[in-house]
Amino acid sequence: MIEAKGYNGQVSFDGEYVTINRKGFLARASVGKGVKRIHVSQITAVQWKPPGVFVNGFIQFTVPGGVERRSAFGGQTPSAIKDENTVIVTKKQVPAFEELRAAVDGAIAQQHKPAPSLADELAKLQQLVDGGALSPDEYAAAKARLLGS
């Protein structure tokens, strides 16, 4: 479990769900208190704006059907503070959020990897037989499992 505490909420990632937890005055003043869980398969992008010298940054999770708008120069963080899928980040909090971002990005990439085709799996089994790692009987059993028979 990776956790990062931001200015207006805490984000955790367990490998499957991103959970945004908000409590206290800052949560009430921005998007409201509560907990939001987003399955990694529903996240299409992670926007990261590191904090600058004079402004805080943010991490934002994009989901299908979400309404996003590009803010004017200098207005990204003030606009982001009102988004329920965004947590504001200060300079001290950057290392934890960079670790979290890397983990979520990796999980998103894994979700979009194509599954191996049946033909690829059968070819791998045949290579194992040809190399002597599988007997013909073991090959037949593994092939039957792949084919669902």
N, C-alpha and C. Protein backbone atom coordinates (compact mmCIF):
# COMPACT_ATOMS: atom_id res chain seq x y z
N MET A 1 0.85 -1.17 0.00
CA MET A 1 0.00 0.00 0.00
C MET A 1 0.90 1.23 0.00
N ILE A 2 0.63 2.11 -0.94
CA ILE A 2 1.36 3.37 -1.03
C ILE A 2 0.40 4.48 -0.61
N GLU A 3 0.86 5.34 0.28
CA GLU A 3 0.03 6.44 0.75
C GLU A 3 0.78 7.76 0.63
N ALA A 4 0.05 8.80 0.26
CA ALA A 4 0.64 10.13 0.17
C ALA A 4 -0.38 11.13 0.71
N LYS A 5 0.05 11.92 1.69
CA LYS A 5 -0.83 12.91 2.30
C LYS A 5 -0.61 14.25 1.61
N GLY A 6 -1.69 14.78 1.04
CA GLY A 6 -1.63 16.06 0.36
C GLY A 6 -2.22 17.18 1.20
N TYR A 7 -2.28 18.34 0.61
CA TYR A 7 -2.77 19.54 1.29
C TYR A 7 -4.26 19.43 1.62
N ASN A 8 -5.04 18.87 0.69
CA ASN A 8 -6.49 18.80 0.91
C ASN A 8 -7.04 17.37 0.82
N GLY A 9 -6.17 16.40 1.10
CA GLY A 9 -6.63 15.02 1.10
C GLY A 9 -5.46 14.05 1.09
N GLN A 10 -5.79 12.79 1.34
CA GLN A 10 -4.79 11.73 1.34
C GLN A 10 -5.15 10.76 0.22
N VAL A 11 -4.13 10.30 -0.51
CA VAL A 11 -4.33 9.34 -1.59
C VAL A 11 -3.59 8.07 -1.24
N SER A 12 -4.26 6.93 -1.42
CA SER A 12 -3.59 5.66 -1.22
C SER A 12 -3.85 4.78 -2.44
N PHE A 13 -2.93 3.86 -2.69
CA PHE A 13 -3.04 2.95 -3.83
C PHE A 13 -2.63 1.57 -3.37
N ASP A 14 -3.54 0.60 -3.51
CA ASP A 14 -3.27 -0.77 -3.07
C ASP A 14 -2.94 -1.71 -4.21
N GLY A 15 -2.68 -1.16 -5.39
CA GLY A 15 -2.39 -1.98 -6.56
C GLY A 15 -3.61 -2.18 -7.43
N GLU A 16 -4.79 -1.93 -6.86
CA GLU A 16 -6.03 -2.11 -7.60
C GLU A 16 -6.92 -0.86 -7.55
N TYR A 17 -6.97 -0.21 -6.41
CA TYR A 17 -7.81 0.97 -6.24
C TYR A 17 -7.00 2.17 -5.79
N VAL A 18 -7.32 3.34 -6.36
CA VAL A 18 -6.84 4.61 -5.85
C VAL A 18 -7.94 5.12 -4.93
N THR A 19 -7.59 5.43 -3.70
CA THR A 19 -8.56 5.93 -2.73
C THR A 19 -8.17 7.34 -2.32
N ILE A 20 -9.11 8.26 -2.49
CA ILE A 20 -8.90 9.65 -2.08
C ILE A 20 -9.75 9.86 -0.84
N ASN A 21 -9.09 10.21 0.25
CA ASN A 21 -9.77 10.38 1.53
C ASN A 21 -9.63 11.84 1.96
N ARG A 22 -10.76 12.47 2.21
CA ARG A 22 -10.73 13.88 2.61
C ARG A 22 -11.47 14.04 3.93
N LYS A 23 -10.83 14.74 4.84
CA LYS A 23 -11.49 15.07 6.10
C LYS A 23 -10.99 16.42 6.59
N GLY A 24 -11.75 17.03 7.45
CA GLY A 24 -11.34 18.30 8.03
C GLY A 24 -11.81 19.51 7.25
N PHE A 25 -11.37 20.67 7.71
CA PHE A 25 -11.82 21.95 7.16
C PHE A 25 -11.44 22.12 5.70
N LEU A 26 -10.20 21.77 5.31
CA LEU A 26 -9.77 21.97 3.93
C LEU A 26 -10.59 21.14 2.96
N ALA A 27 -10.97 19.93 3.38
CA ALA A 27 -11.81 19.09 2.53
C ALA A 27 -13.18 19.75 2.35
N ARG A 28 -13.74 20.21 3.44
CA ARG A 28 -15.07 20.85 3.40
C ARG A 28 -15.02 22.11 2.54
N ALA A 29 -13.92 22.84 2.58
CA ALA A 29 -13.81 24.09 1.84
C ALA A 29 -13.55 23.87 0.35
N SER A 30 -13.05 22.70 -0.03
CA SER A 30 -12.75 22.47 -1.45
C SER A 30 -13.86 21.63 -2.10
N VAL A 31 -13.80 20.31 -2.00
CA VAL A 31 -14.79 19.47 -2.69
C VAL A 31 -15.69 18.69 -1.74
N GLY A 32 -15.43 18.75 -0.47
CA GLY A 32 -16.27 18.05 0.49
C GLY A 32 -15.56 16.87 1.12
N LYS A 33 -16.01 16.53 2.33
CA LYS A 33 -15.41 15.41 3.05
C LYS A 33 -15.89 14.11 2.46
N GLY A 34 -15.11 13.05 2.70
CA GLY A 34 -15.52 11.72 2.26
C GLY A 34 -14.39 10.93 1.64
N VAL A 35 -14.76 9.74 1.17
CA VAL A 35 -13.80 8.82 0.57
C VAL A 35 -14.27 8.48 -0.83
N LYS A 36 -13.36 8.51 -1.79
CA LYS A 36 -13.67 8.12 -3.16
C LYS A 36 -12.67 7.06 -3.58
N ARG A 37 -13.19 5.94 -4.11
CA ARG A 37 -12.33 4.87 -4.62
C ARG A 37 -12.50 4.77 -6.12
N ILE A 38 -11.38 4.68 -6.82
CA ILE A 38 -11.39 4.57 -8.28
C ILE A 38 -10.57 3.33 -8.65
N HIS A 39 -11.19 2.40 -9.36
CA HIS A 39 -10.45 1.21 -9.81
C HIS A 39 -9.46 1.63 -10.89
N VAL A 40 -8.29 1.04 -10.87
CA VAL A 40 -7.23 1.45 -11.79
C VAL A 40 -7.66 1.29 -13.26
N SER A 41 -8.55 0.35 -13.55
CA SER A 41 -9.01 0.17 -14.93
C SER A 41 -9.85 1.36 -15.41
N GLN A 42 -10.36 2.17 -14.48
CA GLN A 42 -11.16 3.33 -14.85
C GLN A 42 -10.33 4.61 -15.01
N ILE A 43 -9.07 4.55 -14.63
CA ILE A 43 -8.21 5.74 -14.74
C ILE A 43 -7.56 5.75 -16.11
N THR A 44 -7.82 6.81 -16.86
CA THR A 44 -7.26 6.91 -18.21
C THR A 44 -5.97 7.72 -18.25
N ALA A 45 -5.75 8.55 -17.24
CA ALA A 45 -4.53 9.36 -17.20
C ALA A 45 -4.29 9.87 -15.79
N VAL A 46 -3.04 10.17 -15.52
CA VAL A 46 -2.66 10.81 -14.26
C VAL A 46 -1.94 12.10 -14.63
N GLN A 47 -2.53 13.22 -14.24
CA GLN A 47 -1.88 14.50 -14.51
C GLN A 47 -1.12 14.91 -13.26
N TRP A 48 0.13 15.25 -13.45
CA TRP A 48 1.00 15.66 -12.34
C TRP A 48 1.54 17.04 -12.63
N LYS A 49 1.25 17.98 -11.75
CA LYS A 49 1.82 19.32 -11.85
C LYS A 49 2.60 19.54 -10.57
N PRO A 50 3.94 19.48 -10.65
CA PRO A 50 4.73 19.68 -9.44
C PRO A 50 4.58 21.10 -8.90
N PRO A 51 4.72 21.25 -7.59
CA PRO A 51 4.64 22.59 -7.02
C PRO A 51 5.78 23.47 -7.53
N GLY A 52 5.48 24.75 -7.67
CA GLY A 52 6.49 25.70 -8.09
C GLY A 52 7.00 26.50 -6.90
N VAL A 53 7.68 27.56 -7.18
CA VAL A 53 8.25 28.40 -6.14
C VAL A 53 7.14 29.08 -5.32
N PHE A 54 6.10 29.54 -6.02
CA PHE A 54 5.06 30.32 -5.35
C PHE A 54 3.70 29.61 -5.27
N VAL A 55 3.54 28.48 -5.95
CA VAL A 55 2.23 27.81 -5.98
C VAL A 55 2.38 26.33 -5.66
N ASN A 56 1.32 25.77 -5.11
CA ASN A 56 1.27 24.33 -4.88
C ASN A 56 1.02 23.62 -6.21
N GLY A 57 1.31 22.34 -6.23
CA GLY A 57 1.03 21.53 -7.40
C GLY A 57 -0.17 20.64 -7.13
N PHE A 58 -0.36 19.64 -8.01
CA PHE A 58 -1.47 18.71 -7.79
C PHE A 58 -1.26 17.42 -8.55
N ILE A 59 -1.98 16.40 -8.12
CA ILE A 59 -2.09 15.15 -8.86
C ILE A 59 -3.57 14.98 -9.17
N GLN A 60 -3.88 14.63 -10.42
CA GLN A 60 -5.27 14.52 -10.85
C GLN A 60 -5.45 13.21 -11.61
N PHE A 61 -6.50 12.50 -11.26
CA PHE A 61 -6.81 11.22 -11.90
C PHE A 61 -7.97 11.42 -12.87
N THR A 62 -7.72 11.16 -14.16
CA THR A 62 -8.74 11.34 -15.19
C THR A 62 -9.52 10.05 -15.35
N VAL A 63 -10.85 10.16 -15.35
CA VAL A 63 -11.73 9.00 -15.52
C VAL A 63 -12.66 9.26 -16.70
N PRO A 64 -13.14 8.19 -17.37
CA PRO A 64 -14.06 8.38 -18.49
C PRO A 64 -15.30 9.14 -18.04
N GLY A 65 -15.72 10.08 -18.85
CA GLY A 65 -16.90 10.87 -18.53
C GLY A 65 -16.62 12.05 -17.62
N GLY A 66 -15.38 12.16 -17.15
CA GLY A 66 -15.02 13.30 -16.30
C GLY A 66 -14.98 14.57 -17.11
N VAL A 67 -15.36 15.66 -16.51
CA VAL A 67 -15.36 16.94 -17.19
C VAL A 67 -14.08 17.67 -16.81
N GLU A 68 -13.22 17.80 -17.80
CA GLU A 68 -11.96 18.51 -17.56
C GLU A 68 -11.94 19.75 -18.43
N ARG A 69 -11.31 20.76 -17.92
CA ARG A 69 -11.14 21.96 -18.73
C ARG A 69 -9.73 22.47 -18.50
N ARG A 70 -9.18 23.03 -19.53
CA ARG A 70 -7.85 23.61 -19.41
C ARG A 70 -7.98 24.98 -18.76
N SER A 71 -7.22 25.18 -17.74
CA SER A 71 -7.23 26.46 -17.04
C SER A 71 -6.29 27.43 -17.73
N ALA A 72 -6.56 28.68 -17.52
CA ALA A 72 -5.67 29.72 -18.04
C ALA A 72 -4.34 29.65 -17.32
N PHE A 73 -3.31 30.19 -17.93
CA PHE A 73 -1.99 30.22 -17.33
C PHE A 73 -2.08 30.80 -15.93
N GLY A 74 -1.51 30.07 -14.97
CA GLY A 74 -1.52 30.53 -13.59
C GLY A 74 -2.78 30.14 -12.83
N GLY A 75 -3.74 29.51 -13.52
CA GLY A 75 -4.99 29.16 -12.85
C GLY A 75 -5.20 27.67 -12.70
N GLN A 76 -4.19 26.85 -13.03
CA GLN A 76 -4.37 25.40 -12.96
C GLN A 76 -4.63 24.91 -11.55
N THR A 77 -3.81 25.30 -10.60
CA THR A 77 -3.98 24.82 -9.23
C THR A 77 -5.28 25.33 -8.60
N PRO A 78 -5.64 26.61 -8.74
CA PRO A 78 -6.93 27.05 -8.20
C PRO A 78 -8.11 26.31 -8.82
N SER A 79 -8.04 25.97 -10.10
CA SER A 79 -9.12 25.20 -10.73
C SER A 79 -9.12 23.77 -10.22
N ALA A 80 -7.94 23.20 -10.04
CA ALA A 80 -7.82 21.81 -9.62
C ALA A 80 -8.34 21.58 -8.21
N ILE A 81 -8.26 22.58 -7.36
CA ILE A 81 -8.68 22.41 -5.96
C ILE A 81 -10.17 22.08 -5.86
N LYS A 82 -10.94 22.41 -6.90
CA LYS A 82 -12.38 22.15 -6.90
C LYS A 82 -12.73 20.81 -7.54
N ASP A 83 -11.75 20.07 -8.05
CA ASP A 83 -12.00 18.80 -8.73
C ASP A 83 -11.94 17.65 -7.73
N GLU A 84 -12.95 16.78 -7.75
CA GLU A 84 -13.01 15.69 -6.77
C GLU A 84 -11.96 14.61 -6.99
N ASN A 85 -11.33 14.57 -8.16
CA ASN A 85 -10.30 13.57 -8.46
C ASN A 85 -8.89 14.15 -8.36
N THR A 86 -8.76 15.27 -7.68
CA THR A 86 -7.49 15.98 -7.58
C THR A 86 -7.13 16.22 -6.12
N VAL A 87 -5.84 16.09 -5.82
CA VAL A 87 -5.34 16.42 -4.49
C VAL A 87 -4.19 17.41 -4.67
N ILE A 88 -4.22 18.47 -3.89
CA ILE A 88 -3.19 19.51 -3.95
C ILE A 88 -1.95 19.03 -3.20
N VAL A 89 -0.77 19.33 -3.77
CA VAL A 89 0.51 18.85 -3.25
C VAL A 89 1.44 20.03 -2.96
N THR A 90 2.05 20.02 -1.77
CA THR A 90 3.07 21.02 -1.44
C THR A 90 4.45 20.45 -1.74
N LYS A 91 5.47 21.30 -1.70
CA LYS A 91 6.84 20.86 -2.02
C LYS A 91 7.31 19.70 -1.13
N LYS A 92 6.98 19.76 0.16
CA LYS A 92 7.43 18.71 1.09
C LYS A 92 6.78 17.35 0.77
N GLN A 93 5.64 17.36 0.12
CA GLN A 93 4.90 16.13 -0.15
C GLN A 93 5.26 15.47 -1.49
N VAL A 94 6.11 16.11 -2.27
CA VAL A 94 6.43 15.64 -3.62
C VAL A 94 6.96 14.21 -3.66
N PRO A 95 7.95 13.80 -2.84
CA PRO A 95 8.49 12.44 -2.96
C PRO A 95 7.42 11.34 -2.82
N ALA A 96 6.53 11.49 -1.87
CA ALA A 96 5.48 10.47 -1.67
C ALA A 96 4.55 10.43 -2.88
N PHE A 97 4.21 11.59 -3.43
CA PHE A 97 3.30 11.62 -4.58
C PHE A 97 3.98 11.13 -5.85
N GLU A 98 5.28 11.35 -6.00
CA GLU A 98 5.97 10.81 -7.17
C GLU A 98 6.00 9.28 -7.13
N GLU A 99 6.18 8.72 -5.94
CA GLU A 99 6.15 7.26 -5.80
C GLU A 99 4.74 6.72 -6.12
N LEU A 100 3.73 7.40 -5.62
CA LEU A 100 2.36 7.00 -5.88
C LEU A 100 2.04 7.09 -7.37
N ARG A 101 2.45 8.18 -7.99
CA ARG A 101 2.20 8.37 -9.42
C ARG A 101 2.86 7.27 -10.25
N ALA A 102 4.08 6.92 -9.93
CA ALA A 102 4.78 5.86 -10.67
C ALA A 102 4.05 4.53 -10.53
N ALA A 103 3.57 4.23 -9.34
CA ALA A 103 2.86 2.97 -9.12
C ALA A 103 1.54 2.93 -9.89
N VAL A 104 0.80 4.03 -9.88
CA VAL A 104 -0.48 4.07 -10.61
C VAL A 104 -0.23 4.02 -12.11
N ASP A 105 0.77 4.76 -12.61
CA ASP A 105 1.10 4.71 -14.03
C ASP A 105 1.46 3.29 -14.47
N GLY A 106 2.24 2.58 -13.65
CA GLY A 106 2.60 1.21 -13.97
C GLY A 106 1.39 0.29 -14.00
N ALA A 107 0.47 0.47 -13.06
CA ALA A 107 -0.73 -0.35 -13.02
C ALA A 107 -1.64 -0.06 -14.21
N ILE A 108 -1.73 1.21 -14.62
CA ILE A 108 -2.53 1.56 -15.79
C ILE A 108 -1.94 0.90 -17.03
N ALA A 109 -0.63 0.97 -17.18
CA ALA A 109 0.03 0.34 -18.33
C ALA A 109 -0.22 -1.16 -18.36
N GLN A 110 -0.17 -1.78 -17.19
CA GLN A 110 -0.41 -3.23 -17.09
C GLN A 110 -1.83 -3.57 -17.50
N GLN A 111 -2.80 -2.72 -17.15
CA GLN A 111 -4.20 -2.95 -17.52
C GLN A 111 -4.40 -2.92 -19.03
N HIS A 112 -3.58 -2.13 -19.72
CA HIS A 112 -3.76 -1.97 -21.16
C HIS A 112 -2.87 -2.89 -22.00
N LYS A 113 -2.13 -3.77 -21.32
CA LYS A 113 -1.32 -4.73 -22.06
C LYS A 113 -2.24 -5.76 -22.69
N PRO A 114 -2.02 -6.08 -23.95
CA PRO A 114 -2.87 -7.10 -24.58
C PRO A 114 -2.59 -8.48 -23.97
N ALA A 115 -3.64 -9.24 -23.81
CA ALA A 115 -3.49 -10.61 -23.31
C ALA A 115 -2.84 -11.46 -24.40
N PRO A 116 -2.02 -12.44 -24.02
CA PRO A 116 -1.41 -13.29 -25.04
C PRO A 116 -2.50 -14.06 -25.79
N SER A 117 -2.29 -14.21 -27.09
CA SER A 117 -3.28 -14.92 -27.89
C SER A 117 -3.16 -16.43 -27.67
N LEU A 118 -4.19 -17.14 -28.01
CA LEU A 118 -4.20 -18.59 -27.90
C LEU A 118 -3.10 -19.20 -28.76
N ALA A 119 -2.92 -18.65 -29.96
CA ALA A 119 -1.87 -19.16 -30.85
C ALA A 119 -0.48 -18.99 -30.22
N ASP A 120 -0.25 -17.85 -29.55
CA ASP A 120 1.04 -17.62 -28.87
C ASP A 120 1.27 -18.64 -27.77
N GLU A 121 0.22 -18.90 -26.99
CA GLU A 121 0.33 -19.87 -25.89
C GLU A 121 0.60 -21.27 -26.41
N LEU A 122 -0.07 -21.65 -27.48
CA LEU A 122 0.16 -22.98 -28.06
C LEU A 122 1.58 -23.09 -28.63
N ALA A 123 2.07 -22.01 -29.23
CA ALA A 123 3.44 -22.01 -29.77
C ALA A 123 4.46 -22.17 -28.64
N LYS A 124 4.21 -21.51 -27.50
CA LYS A 124 5.11 -21.66 -26.35
C LYS A 124 5.12 -23.09 -25.84
N LEU A 125 3.94 -23.69 -25.79
CA LEU A 125 3.87 -25.09 -25.35
C LEU A 125 4.65 -25.99 -26.30
N GLN A 126 4.50 -25.75 -27.59
CA GLN A 126 5.22 -26.57 -28.58
C GLN A 126 6.74 -26.40 -28.43
N GLN A 127 7.18 -25.20 -28.12
CA GLN A 127 8.61 -24.97 -27.90
C GLN A 127 9.10 -25.76 -26.68
N LEU A 128 8.27 -25.84 -25.66
CA LEU A 128 8.64 -26.63 -24.47
C LEU A 128 8.74 -28.11 -24.79
N VAL A 129 7.86 -28.60 -25.65
CA VAL A 129 7.92 -30.01 -26.08
C VAL A 129 9.18 -30.22 -26.91
N ASP A 130 9.43 -29.32 -27.87
CA ASP A 130 10.60 -29.45 -28.74
C ASP A 130 11.90 -29.38 -27.95
N GLY A 131 11.90 -28.61 -26.86
CA GLY A 131 13.10 -28.49 -26.03
C GLY A 131 13.22 -29.60 -24.99
N GLY A 132 12.22 -30.45 -24.91
CA GLY A 132 12.27 -31.58 -23.97
C GLY A 132 11.78 -31.25 -22.57
N ALA A 133 11.25 -30.05 -22.36
CA ALA A 133 10.78 -29.67 -21.04
C ALA A 133 9.40 -30.25 -20.73
N LEU A 134 8.63 -30.56 -21.78
CA LEU A 134 7.31 -31.18 -21.62
C LEU A 134 7.25 -32.48 -22.41
N SER A 135 6.59 -33.46 -21.84
CA SER A 135 6.35 -34.71 -22.57
C SER A 135 5.13 -34.51 -23.48
N PRO A 136 4.95 -35.36 -24.46
CA PRO A 136 3.76 -35.24 -25.31
C PRO A 136 2.46 -35.31 -24.50
N ASP A 137 2.44 -36.13 -23.45
CA ASP A 137 1.22 -36.23 -22.62
C ASP A 137 0.98 -34.91 -21.86
N GLU A 138 2.06 -34.32 -21.32
CA GLU A 138 1.93 -33.05 -20.61
C GLU A 138 1.47 -31.94 -21.57
N TYR A 139 2.00 -31.98 -22.79
CA TYR A 139 1.59 -31.03 -23.82
C TYR A 139 0.10 -31.16 -24.11
N ALA A 140 -0.36 -32.39 -24.28
CA ALA A 140 -1.77 -32.63 -24.59
C ALA A 140 -2.66 -32.12 -23.44
N ALA A 141 -2.25 -32.34 -22.20
CA ALA A 141 -3.04 -31.89 -21.05
C ALA A 141 -3.07 -30.34 -20.99
N ALA A 142 -1.91 -29.72 -21.20
CA ALA A 142 -1.85 -28.26 -21.17
C ALA A 142 -2.65 -27.65 -22.32
N LYS A 143 -2.59 -28.27 -23.48
CA LYS A 143 -3.33 -27.78 -24.64
C LYS A 143 -4.83 -27.88 -24.37
N ALA A 144 -5.25 -28.98 -23.75
CA ALA A 144 -6.67 -29.16 -23.43
C ALA A 144 -7.14 -28.08 -22.45
N ARG A 145 -6.28 -27.73 -21.47
CA ARG A 145 -6.64 -26.67 -20.53
C ARG A 145 -6.80 -25.32 -21.25
N LEU A 146 -5.87 -25.03 -22.16
CA LEU A 146 -5.94 -23.78 -22.92
C LEU A 146 -7.19 -23.70 -23.78
N LEU A 147 -7.54 -24.82 -24.37
CA LEU A 147 -8.69 -24.86 -25.29
C LEU A 147 -10.01 -25.02 -24.53
N GLY A 148 -9.90 -25.23 -23.22
CA GLY A 148 -11.12 -25.36 -22.41
C GLY A 148 -11.85 -26.67 -22.62
N SER A 149 -11.12 -27.70 -23.02
CA SER A 149 -11.79 -29.00 -23.23
C SER A 149 -11.33 -30.02 -22.21
